[in-house]
Amino acid sequence: MQVRLWHGTRTVQIARSIATNRKLQIAALLAAVALSLWNVERVPHTAVLPAVVGLLPFAIGKYVLCPLRWHALSGSGHSRRWHMRAYAESEILGLISPWHAGADIWRIHRLERTGVRRSAAVSSVALDRFVGAVGLIVAVAVCGIALPRAVLVVALGIAAVVLAAGLIVNWRRPGLAGRWPWPSPKVFALGILLSVGYQATILGLLIGAIHAVGDSVSPFHLIAVFGASQLAGALPGVHGASPREGALVAGLASIGVSWTAAFGAVALTALLYWIPALLVGGSCLFLRWRGWFSEPQTVVRVLA
């Protein structure tokens, strides 16, 4: 048992050292951006204006709505501005790592740097991820589109596991619940609402990318395709060339988008992700490296 625990701790330490190594960050960043540029270069006849129109609301959804959701759920005591900066920094690492895992590791690392316990930091990020997934299901359900059975089973299974784990922990160790960011129903509903808003901005980006490559698609059909493609996100892959992108290309082709336009739209979307990531997240990381941002004083309420 001790050997297994040591190996688990060692794995976390290695993952964190990789995620916080500047040389590895820069090398992976250049490789990922080059891959996205190479994909888009193979797609002819790309218009700029529809892509930019779709990118603007997405940037607001990713770098405003998502950090606000994390802030509402975490209960860390830090300001909204701190959460926005930490979230923006994490997106750079998420885009260059499989499963977007680098983003979670960085957010946990940033919380720990301010005095938050590791278990509480992990639970805070995990809760934010879970509410984001629930928001995706709600967004699809609100539009009256049924998810594929496999996606629905996986989503309900994860929700059941999280709920069961929470009930067991609360029953076996009631004192531990106070250290975890258990949200009130009002906060949970707010998190779902912010998640639904973010999903709407992703759809706007996809629609803009599809129009940019000279095709069009029904937003309702696109919601179903996007929801189904999330299942493929469980498999590892680099941003721009992951199973999720492949599933999205196939899904777009299945609803009438030509294969060329489907590949071009997905490749363009992967590239567009980098623009706000580099402008917002890259700027925050650079200023942090230069010492412009200092860690806030530890004010821990729920996470202490």
C-alpha atoms as a PDB file:
ATOM      1  CA  MET A   1       0.000   0.000   0.000  1.00  0.00           C
ATOM      2  CA  GLN A   2       2.821   2.387   0.881  1.00  0.00           C
ATOM      3  CA  VAL A   3       4.665   1.540  -2.354  1.00  0.00           C
ATOM      4  CA  ARG A   4       1.541   2.216  -4.416  1.00  0.00           C
ATOM      5  CA  LEU A   5       0.956   5.519  -2.605  1.00  0.00           C
ATOM      6  CA  TRP A   6       4.595   6.525  -3.159  1.00  0.00           C
ATOM      7  CA  HIS A   7       4.333   5.801  -6.867  1.00  0.00           C
ATOM      8  CA  GLY A   8       1.142   7.884  -7.095  1.00  0.00           C
ATOM      9  CA  THR A   9       2.780  10.820  -5.326  1.00  0.00           C
ATOM     10  CA  ARG A  10       5.877  10.485  -7.505  1.00  0.00           C
ATOM     11  CA  THR A  11       3.734  10.555 -10.648  1.00  0.00           C
ATOM     12  CA  VAL A  12       2.035  13.769  -9.529  1.00  0.00           C
ATOM     13  CA  GLN A  13       5.413  15.360  -8.795  1.00  0.00           C
ATOM     14  CA  ILE A  14       6.759  14.418 -12.224  1.00  0.00           C
ATOM     15  CA  ALA A  15       3.638  15.743 -13.956  1.00  0.00           C
ATOM     16  CA  ARG A  16       3.893  19.004 -12.055  1.00  0.00           C
ATOM     17  CA  SER A  17       7.614  19.420 -12.829  1.00  0.00           C
ATOM     18  CA  ILE A  18       6.873  18.935 -16.537  1.00  0.00           C
ATOM     19  CA  ALA A  19       3.959  21.353 -16.506  1.00  0.00           C
ATOM     20  CA  THR A  20       5.987  24.069 -14.741  1.00  0.00           C
ATOM     21  CA  ASN A  21       9.225  23.683 -16.772  1.00  0.00           C
ATOM     22  CA  ARG A  22       9.607  26.764 -18.965  1.00  0.00           C
ATOM     23  CA  LYS A  23      11.776  25.138 -21.650  1.00  0.00           C
ATOM     24  CA  LEU A  24       9.338  22.267 -22.067  1.00  0.00           C
ATOM     25  CA  GLN A  25       6.415  24.718 -22.140  1.00  0.00           C
ATOM     26  CA  ILE A  26       7.996  26.769 -24.926  1.00  0.00           C
ATOM     27  CA  ALA A  27       9.023  23.704 -26.969  1.00  0.00           C
ATOM     28  CA  ALA A  28       5.593  22.107 -26.706  1.00  0.00           C
ATOM     29  CA  LEU A  29       3.933  25.438 -27.482  1.00  0.00           C
ATOM     30  CA  LEU A  30       5.919  25.927 -30.691  1.00  0.00           C
ATOM     31  CA  ALA A  31       5.235  22.352 -31.791  1.00  0.00           C
ATOM     32  CA  ALA A  32       1.497  22.634 -31.146  1.00  0.00           C
ATOM     33  CA  VAL A  33       1.164  25.984 -32.951  1.00  0.00           C
ATOM     34  CA  ALA A  34       3.180  24.635 -35.898  1.00  0.00           C
ATOM     35  CA  LEU A  35       0.853  21.632 -36.125  1.00  0.00           C
ATOM     36  CA  SER A  36      -2.229  23.865 -36.187  1.00  0.00           C
ATOM     37  CA  LEU A  37      -0.689  26.111 -38.857  1.00  0.00           C
ATOM     38  CA  TRP A  38       0.253  23.072 -40.956  1.00  0.00           C
ATOM     39  CA  ASN A  39      -3.308  21.775 -40.824  1.00  0.00           C
ATOM     40  CA  VAL A  40      -4.843  25.110 -41.855  1.00  0.00           C
ATOM     41  CA  GLU A  41      -2.267  25.576 -44.631  1.00  0.00           C
ATOM     42  CA  ARG A  42      -3.694  22.472 -46.316  1.00  0.00           C
ATOM     43  CA  VAL A  43      -7.201  24.031 -46.449  1.00  0.00           C
ATOM     44  CA  PRO A  44      -7.865  26.345 -49.435  1.00  0.00           C
ATOM     45  CA  HIS A  45     -10.257  29.311 -49.666  1.00  0.00           C
ATOM     46  CA  THR A  46     -10.444  30.441 -46.046  1.00  0.00           C
ATOM     47  CA  ALA A  47     -12.274  33.713 -45.321  1.00  0.00           C
ATOM     48  CA  VAL A  48     -11.107  35.733 -42.319  1.00  0.00           C
ATOM     49  CA  LEU A  49     -14.193  37.740 -41.326  1.00  0.00           C
ATOM     50  CA  PRO A  50     -16.552  34.848 -40.331  1.00  0.00           C
ATOM     51  CA  ALA A  51     -13.760  33.276 -38.292  1.00  0.00           C
ATOM     52  CA  VAL A  52     -13.075  36.530 -36.421  1.00  0.00           C
ATOM     53  CA  VAL A  53     -16.794  37.075 -35.764  1.00  0.00           C
ATOM     54  CA  GLY A  54     -16.985  33.600 -34.237  1.00  0.00           C
ATOM     55  CA  LEU A  55     -13.771  34.065 -32.263  1.00  0.00           C
ATOM     56  CA  LEU A  56     -14.809  37.174 -30.312  1.00  0.00           C
ATOM     57  CA  PRO A  57     -17.648  35.595 -28.264  1.00  0.00           C
ATOM     58  CA  PHE A  58     -15.557  32.451 -27.770  1.00  0.00           C
ATOM     59  CA  ALA A  59     -12.755  34.489 -26.205  1.00  0.00           C
ATOM     60  CA  ILE A  60     -15.257  36.001 -23.776  1.00  0.00           C
ATOM     61  CA  GLY A  61     -16.686  32.573 -22.967  1.00  0.00           C
ATOM     62  CA  LYS A  62     -13.299  30.929 -22.425  1.00  0.00           C
ATOM     63  CA  TYR A  63     -11.489  33.687 -20.544  1.00  0.00           C
ATOM     64  CA  VAL A  64     -14.373  35.347 -18.686  1.00  0.00           C
ATOM     65  CA  LEU A  65     -17.259  32.898 -18.181  1.00  0.00           C
ATOM     66  CA  CYS A  66     -15.079  29.861 -17.372  1.00  0.00           C
ATOM     67  CA  PRO A  67     -12.904  31.660 -14.780  1.00  0.00           C
ATOM     68  CA  LEU A  68     -16.042  33.133 -13.209  1.00  0.00           C
ATOM     69  CA  ARG A  69     -17.465  29.605 -12.897  1.00  0.00           C
ATOM     70  CA  TRP A  70     -14.256  28.377 -11.269  1.00  0.00           C
ATOM     71  CA  HIS A  71     -14.264  31.361  -8.908  1.00  0.00           C
ATOM     72  CA  ALA A  72     -17.859  30.701  -7.874  1.00  0.00           C
ATOM     73  CA  LEU A  73     -17.209  27.008  -7.208  1.00  0.00           C
ATOM     74  CA  SER A  74     -13.766  27.101  -5.626  1.00  0.00           C
ATOM     75  CA  GLY A  75     -14.416  29.205  -2.526  1.00  0.00           C
ATOM     76  CA  SER A  76     -10.662  29.883  -2.342  1.00  0.00           C
ATOM     77  CA  GLY A  77     -11.082  33.447  -1.110  1.00  0.00           C
ATOM     78  CA  HIS A  78      -9.116  34.846  -4.063  1.00  0.00           C
ATOM     79  CA  SER A  79     -10.453  37.567  -6.322  1.00  0.00           C
ATOM     80  CA  ARG A  80     -12.083  37.072  -9.698  1.00  0.00           C
ATOM     81  CA  ARG A  81      -9.052  38.721 -11.276  1.00  0.00           C
ATOM     82  CA  TRP A  82      -6.745  36.117  -9.727  1.00  0.00           C
ATOM     83  CA  HIS A  83      -8.891  33.279 -11.071  1.00  0.00           C
ATOM     84  CA  MET A  84      -8.975  34.865 -14.525  1.00  0.00           C
ATOM     85  CA  ARG A  85      -5.186  35.137 -14.625  1.00  0.00           C
ATOM     86  CA  ALA A  86      -4.596  31.609 -13.334  1.00  0.00           C
ATOM     87  CA  TYR A  87      -7.175  30.179 -15.743  1.00  0.00           C
ATOM     88  CA  ALA A  88      -5.689  32.054 -18.718  1.00  0.00           C
ATOM     89  CA  GLU A  89      -2.205  30.795 -17.846  1.00  0.00           C
ATOM     90  CA  SER A  90      -3.473  27.240 -17.543  1.00  0.00           C
ATOM     91  CA  GLU A  91      -5.042  27.268 -21.021  1.00  0.00           C
ATOM     92  CA  ILE A  92      -1.630  27.574 -22.650  1.00  0.00           C
ATOM     93  CA  LEU A  93      -0.490  24.404 -20.881  1.00  0.00           C
ATOM     94  CA  GLY A  94      -3.799  22.685 -21.572  1.00  0.00           C
ATOM     95  CA  LEU A  95      -3.502  23.194 -25.314  1.00  0.00           C
ATOM     96  CA  ILE A  96      -0.079  21.551 -25.415  1.00  0.00           C
ATOM     97  CA  SER A  97      -0.922  18.523 -23.261  1.00  0.00           C
ATOM     98  CA  PRO A  98      -3.104  15.423 -23.755  1.00  0.00           C
ATOM     99  CA  TRP A  99      -6.551  15.470 -22.127  1.00  0.00           C
ATOM    100  CA  HIS A 100      -5.957  19.193 -21.490  1.00  0.00           C
ATOM    101  CA  ALA A 101      -4.362  17.868 -18.299  1.00  0.00           C
ATOM    102  CA  GLY A 102      -1.697  20.565 -18.142  1.00  0.00           C
ATOM    103  CA  ALA A 103      -4.379  23.148 -17.422  1.00  0.00           C
ATOM    104  CA  ASP A 104      -5.643  21.229 -14.396  1.00  0.00           C
ATOM    105  CA  ILE A 105      -2.131  20.646 -13.078  1.00  0.00           C
ATOM    106  CA  TRP A 106      -1.299  24.339 -13.409  1.00  0.00           C
ATOM    107  CA  ARG A 107      -4.481  25.474 -11.649  1.00  0.00           C
ATOM    108  CA  ILE A 108      -3.808  23.045  -8.801  1.00  0.00           C
ATOM    109  CA  HIS A 109      -0.218  24.298  -8.643  1.00  0.00           C
ATOM    110  CA  ARG A 110      -1.365  27.924  -8.485  1.00  0.00           C
ATOM    111  CA  LEU A 111      -3.795  27.176  -5.668  1.00  0.00           C
ATOM    112  CA  GLU A 112      -1.128  25.310  -3.705  1.00  0.00           C
ATOM    113  CA  ARG A 113       1.252  28.248  -4.090  1.00  0.00           C
ATOM    114  CA  THR A 114      -1.246  30.363  -2.152  1.00  0.00           C
ATOM    115  CA  GLY A 115      -1.477  27.909   0.747  1.00  0.00           C
ATOM    116  CA  VAL A 116      -4.393  25.734  -0.342  1.00  0.00           C
ATOM    117  CA  ARG A 117      -4.099  22.063   0.567  1.00  0.00           C
ATOM    118  CA  ARG A 118      -3.470  19.702  -2.329  1.00  0.00           C
ATOM    119  CA  SER A 119      -6.600  17.629  -1.715  1.00  0.00           C
ATOM    120  CA  ALA A 120      -8.746  20.764  -1.632  1.00  0.00           C
ATOM    121  CA  ALA A 121      -7.065  22.196  -4.740  1.00  0.00           C
ATOM    122  CA  VAL A 122      -7.651  18.959  -6.649  1.00  0.00           C
ATOM    123  CA  SER A 123     -11.276  18.793  -5.570  1.00  0.00           C
ATOM    124  CA  SER A 124     -11.794  22.429  -6.577  1.00  0.00           C
ATOM    125  CA  VAL A 125     -10.529  21.849 -10.121  1.00  0.00           C
ATOM    126  CA  ALA A 126     -12.361  18.511 -10.386  1.00  0.00           C
ATOM    127  CA  LEU A 127     -15.630  20.151  -9.330  1.00  0.00           C
ATOM    128  CA  ASP A 128     -15.162  22.859 -11.943  1.00  0.00           C
ATOM    129  CA  ARG A 129     -14.574  20.176 -14.596  1.00  0.00           C
ATOM    130  CA  PHE A 130     -17.650  18.263 -13.485  1.00  0.00           C
ATOM    131  CA  VAL A 131     -19.924  21.301 -13.592  1.00  0.00           C
ATOM    132  CA  GLY A 132     -18.564  22.107 -17.038  1.00  0.00           C
ATOM    133  CA  ALA A 133     -19.521  18.618 -18.221  1.00  0.00           C
ATOM    134  CA  VAL A 134     -22.987  18.964 -16.708  1.00  0.00           C
ATOM    135  CA  GLY A 135     -23.346  22.294 -18.499  1.00  0.00           C
ATOM    136  CA  LEU A 136     -22.599  20.582 -21.812  1.00  0.00           C
ATOM    137  CA  ILE A 137     -25.330  17.988 -21.215  1.00  0.00           C
ATOM    138  CA  VAL A 138     -27.786  20.688 -20.173  1.00  0.00           C
ATOM    139  CA  ALA A 139     -26.973  22.804 -23.242  1.00  0.00           C
ATOM    140  CA  VAL A 140     -27.693  19.869 -25.529  1.00  0.00           C
ATOM    141  CA  ALA A 141     -30.867  18.913 -23.640  1.00  0.00           C
ATOM    142  CA  VAL A 142     -32.220  22.488 -23.706  1.00  0.00           C
ATOM    143  CA  CYS A 143     -32.003  22.447 -27.495  1.00  0.00           C
ATOM    144  CA  GLY A 144     -34.141  19.302 -27.557  1.00  0.00           C
ATOM    145  CA  ILE A 145     -31.470  17.131 -29.166  1.00  0.00           C
ATOM    146  CA  ALA A 146     -30.833  13.636 -27.838  1.00  0.00           C
ATOM    147  CA  LEU A 147     -27.238  12.671 -27.236  1.00  0.00           C
ATOM    148  CA  PRO A 148     -26.028   9.312 -28.511  1.00  0.00           C
ATOM    149  CA  ARG A 149     -26.702   6.573 -25.980  1.00  0.00           C
ATOM    150  CA  ALA A 150     -22.989   5.956 -25.352  1.00  0.00           C
ATOM    151  CA  VAL A 151     -22.371   9.624 -24.472  1.00  0.00           C
ATOM    152  CA  LEU A 152     -25.421   9.739 -22.211  1.00  0.00           C
ATOM    153  CA  VAL A 153     -24.421   6.546 -20.389  1.00  0.00           C
ATOM    154  CA  VAL A 154     -20.877   7.824 -19.785  1.00  0.00           C
ATOM    155  CA  ALA A 155     -22.134  11.209 -18.547  1.00  0.00           C
ATOM    156  CA  LEU A 156     -24.700   9.683 -16.189  1.00  0.00           C
ATOM    157  CA  GLY A 157     -22.134   7.135 -14.993  1.00  0.00           C
ATOM    158  CA  ILE A 158     -19.608   9.830 -14.118  1.00  0.00           C
ATOM    159  CA  ALA A 159     -22.290  11.862 -12.341  1.00  0.00           C
ATOM    160  CA  ALA A 160     -23.352   8.792 -10.341  1.00  0.00           C
ATOM    161  CA  VAL A 161     -19.752   8.003  -9.344  1.00  0.00           C
ATOM    162  CA  VAL A 162     -19.081  11.593  -8.224  1.00  0.00           C
ATOM    163  CA  LEU A 163     -22.320  11.706  -6.236  1.00  0.00           C
ATOM    164  CA  ALA A 164     -21.683   8.323  -4.608  1.00  0.00           C
ATOM    165  CA  ALA A 165     -18.119   9.277  -3.713  1.00  0.00           C
ATOM    166  CA  GLY A 166     -19.325  12.519  -2.139  1.00  0.00           C
ATOM    167  CA  LEU A 167     -21.980  10.749  -0.070  1.00  0.00           C
ATOM    168  CA  ILE A 168     -19.540   8.069   1.104  1.00  0.00           C
ATOM    169  CA  VAL A 169     -16.878  10.601   2.094  1.00  0.00           C
ATOM    170  CA  ASN A 170     -19.455  12.725   3.899  1.00  0.00           C
ATOM    171  CA  TRP A 171     -20.706   9.643   5.760  1.00  0.00           C
ATOM    172  CA  ARG A 172     -17.323   8.106   6.648  1.00  0.00           C
ATOM    173  CA  ARG A 173     -15.435  11.344   7.322  1.00  0.00           C
ATOM    174  CA  PRO A 174     -17.880  14.203   7.949  1.00  0.00           C
ATOM    175  CA  GLY A 175     -15.092  16.518   9.073  1.00  0.00           C
ATOM    176  CA  LEU A 176     -13.459  16.301   5.646  1.00  0.00           C
ATOM    177  CA  ALA A 177     -16.470  17.832   3.904  1.00  0.00           C
ATOM    178  CA  GLY A 178     -15.643  21.212   5.386  1.00  0.00           C
ATOM    179  CA  ARG A 179     -12.321  21.212   3.559  1.00  0.00           C
ATOM    180  CA  TRP A 180     -13.882  20.614   0.163  1.00  0.00           C
ATOM    181  CA  PRO A 181     -15.664  23.248  -1.929  1.00  0.00           C
ATOM    182  CA  TRP A 182     -19.177  21.823  -1.665  1.00  0.00           C
ATOM    183  CA  PRO A 183     -21.303  24.385  -3.516  1.00  0.00           C
ATOM    184  CA  SER A 184     -24.761  25.473  -2.519  1.00  0.00           C
ATOM    185  CA  PRO A 185     -27.605  24.741  -4.971  1.00  0.00           C
ATOM    186  CA  LYS A 186     -27.552  28.404  -6.017  1.00  0.00           C
ATOM    187  CA  VAL A 187     -23.817  28.334  -6.766  1.00  0.00           C
ATOM    188  CA  PHE A 188     -24.137  24.995  -8.564  1.00  0.00           C
ATOM    189  CA  ALA A 189     -26.931  26.416 -10.744  1.00  0.00           C
ATOM    190  CA  LEU A 190     -24.829  29.503 -11.474  1.00  0.00           C
ATOM    191  CA  GLY A 191     -21.935  27.270 -12.545  1.00  0.00           C
ATOM    192  CA  ILE A 192     -24.186  25.336 -14.925  1.00  0.00           C
ATOM    193  CA  LEU A 193     -25.569  28.576 -16.353  1.00  0.00           C
ATOM    194  CA  LEU A 194     -22.050  29.869 -17.025  1.00  0.00           C
ATOM    195  CA  SER A 195     -21.163  26.524 -18.616  1.00  0.00           C
ATOM    196  CA  VAL A 196     -24.168  26.716 -20.943  1.00  0.00           C
ATOM    197  CA  GLY A 197     -23.114  30.220 -21.954  1.00  0.00           C
ATOM    198  CA  TYR A 198     -19.602  28.977 -22.692  1.00  0.00           C
ATOM    199  CA  GLN A 199     -20.926  26.097 -24.826  1.00  0.00           C
ATOM    200  CA  ALA A 200     -22.911  28.644 -26.841  1.00  0.00           C
ATOM    201  CA  THR A 201     -19.725  30.571 -27.599  1.00  0.00           C
ATOM    202  CA  ILE A 202     -18.016  27.359 -28.798  1.00  0.00           C
ATOM    203  CA  LEU A 203     -20.897  26.768 -31.202  1.00  0.00           C
ATOM    204  CA  GLY A 204     -20.485  30.333 -32.443  1.00  0.00           C
ATOM    205  CA  LEU A 205     -16.809  29.675 -33.107  1.00  0.00           C
ATOM    206  CA  LEU A 206     -17.559  26.437 -34.976  1.00  0.00           C
ATOM    207  CA  ILE A 207     -20.264  28.093 -37.079  1.00  0.00           C
ATOM    208  CA  GLY A 208     -17.896  30.940 -37.924  1.00  0.00           C
ATOM    209  CA  ALA A 209     -15.160  28.470 -38.901  1.00  0.00           C
ATOM    210  CA  ILE A 210     -17.552  26.506 -41.121  1.00  0.00           C
ATOM    211  CA  HIS A 211     -18.663  29.690 -42.896  1.00  0.00           C
ATOM    212  CA  ALA A 212     -15.019  30.710 -43.220  1.00  0.00           C
ATOM    213  CA  VAL A 213     -14.283  27.620 -45.316  1.00  0.00           C
ATOM    214  CA  GLY A 214     -17.324  28.192 -47.514  1.00  0.00           C
ATOM    215  CA  ASP A 215     -19.966  25.877 -46.029  1.00  0.00           C
ATOM    216  CA  SER A 216     -22.900  26.093 -43.613  1.00  0.00           C
ATOM    217  CA  VAL A 217     -24.699  23.846 -41.144  1.00  0.00           C
ATOM    218  CA  SER A 218     -27.753  23.861 -38.882  1.00  0.00           C
ATOM    219  CA  PRO A 219     -26.827  24.975 -35.331  1.00  0.00           C
ATOM    220  CA  PHE A 220     -29.073  22.279 -33.836  1.00  0.00           C
ATOM    221  CA  HIS A 221     -27.379  19.500 -35.794  1.00  0.00           C
ATOM    222  CA  LEU A 222     -24.026  20.993 -34.840  1.00  0.00           C
ATOM    223  CA  ILE A 223     -24.913  20.774 -31.132  1.00  0.00           C
ATOM    224  CA  ALA A 224     -25.565  17.052 -31.428  1.00  0.00           C
ATOM    225  CA  VAL A 225     -22.320  16.477 -33.337  1.00  0.00           C
ATOM    226  CA  PHE A 226     -20.318  18.531 -30.830  1.00  0.00           C
ATOM    227  CA  GLY A 227     -21.836  16.701 -27.859  1.00  0.00           C
ATOM    228  CA  ALA A 228     -21.056  13.325 -29.384  1.00  0.00           C
ATOM    229  CA  SER A 229     -17.463  14.314 -30.173  1.00  0.00           C
ATOM    230  CA  GLN A 230     -16.775  14.938 -26.465  1.00  0.00           C
ATOM    231  CA  LEU A 231     -16.712  11.188 -25.862  1.00  0.00           C
ATOM    232  CA  ALA A 232     -13.620  10.932 -28.043  1.00  0.00           C
ATOM    233  CA  GLY A 233     -11.960  13.505 -25.798  1.00  0.00           C
ATOM    234  CA  ALA A 234     -11.432  10.740 -23.241  1.00  0.00           C
ATOM    235  CA  LEU A 235      -8.616   9.454 -25.474  1.00  0.00           C
ATOM    236  CA  PRO A 236      -5.208  11.178 -25.336  1.00  0.00           C
ATOM    237  CA  GLY A 237      -4.105  13.461 -28.120  1.00  0.00           C
ATOM    238  CA  VAL A 238      -2.449  16.796 -28.882  1.00  0.00           C
ATOM    239  CA  HIS A 239      -4.633  19.808 -29.555  1.00  0.00           C
ATOM    240  CA  GLY A 240      -5.360  20.002 -33.280  1.00  0.00           C
ATOM    241  CA  ALA A 241      -4.720  16.305 -33.901  1.00  0.00           C
ATOM    242  CA  SER A 242      -6.662  14.511 -31.178  1.00  0.00           C
ATOM    243  CA  PRO A 243      -9.467  11.932 -31.409  1.00  0.00           C
ATOM    244  CA  ARG A 244     -11.913  14.687 -30.493  1.00  0.00           C
ATOM    245  CA  GLU A 245     -11.044  16.658 -33.634  1.00  0.00           C
ATOM    246  CA  GLY A 246     -11.270  13.493 -35.718  1.00  0.00           C
ATOM    247  CA  ALA A 247     -14.719  12.690 -34.311  1.00  0.00           C
ATOM    248  CA  LEU A 248     -15.863  16.249 -34.988  1.00  0.00           C
ATOM    249  CA  VAL A 249     -14.721  16.044 -38.616  1.00  0.00           C
ATOM    250  CA  ALA A 250     -16.613  12.775 -39.079  1.00  0.00           C
ATOM    251  CA  GLY A 251     -19.672  14.213 -37.350  1.00  0.00           C
ATOM    252  CA  LEU A 252     -19.728  17.308 -39.568  1.00  0.00           C
ATOM    253  CA  ALA A 253     -19.441  15.129 -42.655  1.00  0.00           C
ATOM    254  CA  SER A 254     -22.367  13.014 -41.410  1.00  0.00           C
ATOM    255  CA  ILE A 255     -24.694  16.061 -41.309  1.00  0.00           C
ATOM    256  CA  GLY A 256     -23.929  17.225 -44.827  1.00  0.00           C
ATOM    257  CA  VAL A 257     -20.693  19.223 -44.594  1.00  0.00           C
ATOM    258  CA  SER A 258     -18.188  18.230 -47.269  1.00  0.00           C
ATOM    259  CA  TRP A 259     -15.116  16.393 -46.030  1.00  0.00           C
ATOM    260  CA  THR A 260     -12.842  19.201 -47.204  1.00  0.00           C
ATOM    261  CA  ALA A 261     -14.909  21.842 -45.434  1.00  0.00           C
ATOM    262  CA  ALA A 262     -15.252  19.679 -42.295  1.00  0.00           C
ATOM    263  CA  PHE A 263     -11.504  19.154 -42.046  1.00  0.00           C
ATOM    264  CA  GLY A 264     -10.862  22.809 -42.796  1.00  0.00           C
ATOM    265  CA  ALA A 265     -13.349  24.067 -40.197  1.00  0.00           C
ATOM    266  CA  VAL A 266     -11.969  21.852 -37.438  1.00  0.00           C
ATOM    267  CA  ALA A 267      -8.361  22.716 -38.330  1.00  0.00           C
ATOM    268  CA  LEU A 268      -9.225  26.421 -38.404  1.00  0.00           C
ATOM    269  CA  THR A 269     -10.994  26.159 -35.044  1.00  0.00           C
ATOM    270  CA  ALA A 270      -7.913  24.501 -33.526  1.00  0.00           C
ATOM    271  CA  LEU A 271      -5.786  27.380 -34.792  1.00  0.00           C
ATOM    272  CA  LEU A 272      -8.213  30.067 -33.620  1.00  0.00           C
ATOM    273  CA  TYR A 273      -7.988  28.686 -30.069  1.00  0.00           C
ATOM    274  CA  TRP A 274      -4.377  29.867 -30.016  1.00  0.00           C
ATOM    275  CA  ILE A 275      -5.086  33.535 -30.708  1.00  0.00           C
ATOM    276  CA  PRO A 276      -6.739  34.444 -27.366  1.00  0.00           C
ATOM    277  CA  ALA A 277      -4.617  31.809 -25.589  1.00  0.00           C
ATOM    278  CA  LEU A 278      -1.389  33.501 -26.677  1.00  0.00           C
ATOM    279  CA  LEU A 279      -2.698  37.046 -26.250  1.00  0.00           C
ATOM    280  CA  VAL A 280      -4.301  36.534 -22.833  1.00  0.00           C
ATOM    281  CA  GLY A 281      -2.688  33.457 -21.311  1.00  0.00           C
ATOM    282  CA  GLY A 282       0.711  34.060 -22.892  1.00  0.00           C
ATOM    283  CA  SER A 283       0.784  37.638 -21.651  1.00  0.00           C
ATOM    284  CA  CYS A 284      -0.120  36.537 -18.119  1.00  0.00           C
ATOM    285  CA  LEU A 285       2.591  33.854 -18.138  1.00  0.00           C
ATOM    286  CA  PHE A 286       5.195  36.292 -19.467  1.00  0.00           C
ATOM    287  CA  LEU A 287       4.345  38.913 -16.866  1.00  0.00           C
ATOM    288  CA  ARG A 288       4.489  36.236 -14.165  1.00  0.00           C
ATOM    289  CA  TRP A 289       7.926  35.134 -15.343  1.00  0.00           C
ATOM    290  CA  ARG A 290       9.024  38.779 -15.202  1.00  0.00           C
ATOM    291  CA  GLY A 291       7.774  39.066 -11.620  1.00  0.00           C
ATOM    292  CA  TRP A 292       4.912  41.478 -12.271  1.00  0.00           C
ATOM    293  CA  PHE A 293       2.370  39.363 -10.398  1.00  0.00           C
ATOM    294  CA  SER A 294       2.834  38.475  -6.747  1.00  0.00           C
ATOM    295  CA  GLU A 295       0.905  35.744  -4.993  1.00  0.00           C
ATOM    296  CA  PRO A 296      -1.976  37.064  -2.894  1.00  0.00           C
ATOM    297  CA  GLN A 297      -1.984  36.736   0.851  1.00  0.00           C
ATOM    298  CA  THR A 298      -3.440  33.381   1.867  1.00  0.00           C
ATOM    299  CA  VAL A 299      -7.109  33.913   2.673  1.00  0.00           C
ATOM    300  CA  VAL A 300      -8.535  30.410   2.854  1.00  0.00           C
ATOM    301  CA  ARG A 301     -12.090  29.877   4.007  1.00  0.00           C
ATOM    302  CA  VAL A 302     -13.496  26.616   2.662  1.00  0.00           C
ATOM    303  CA  LEU A 303     -10.270  25.203   1.271  1.00  0.00           C
ATOM    304  CA  ALA A 304      -8.135  25.574   4.406  1.00  0.00           C
END
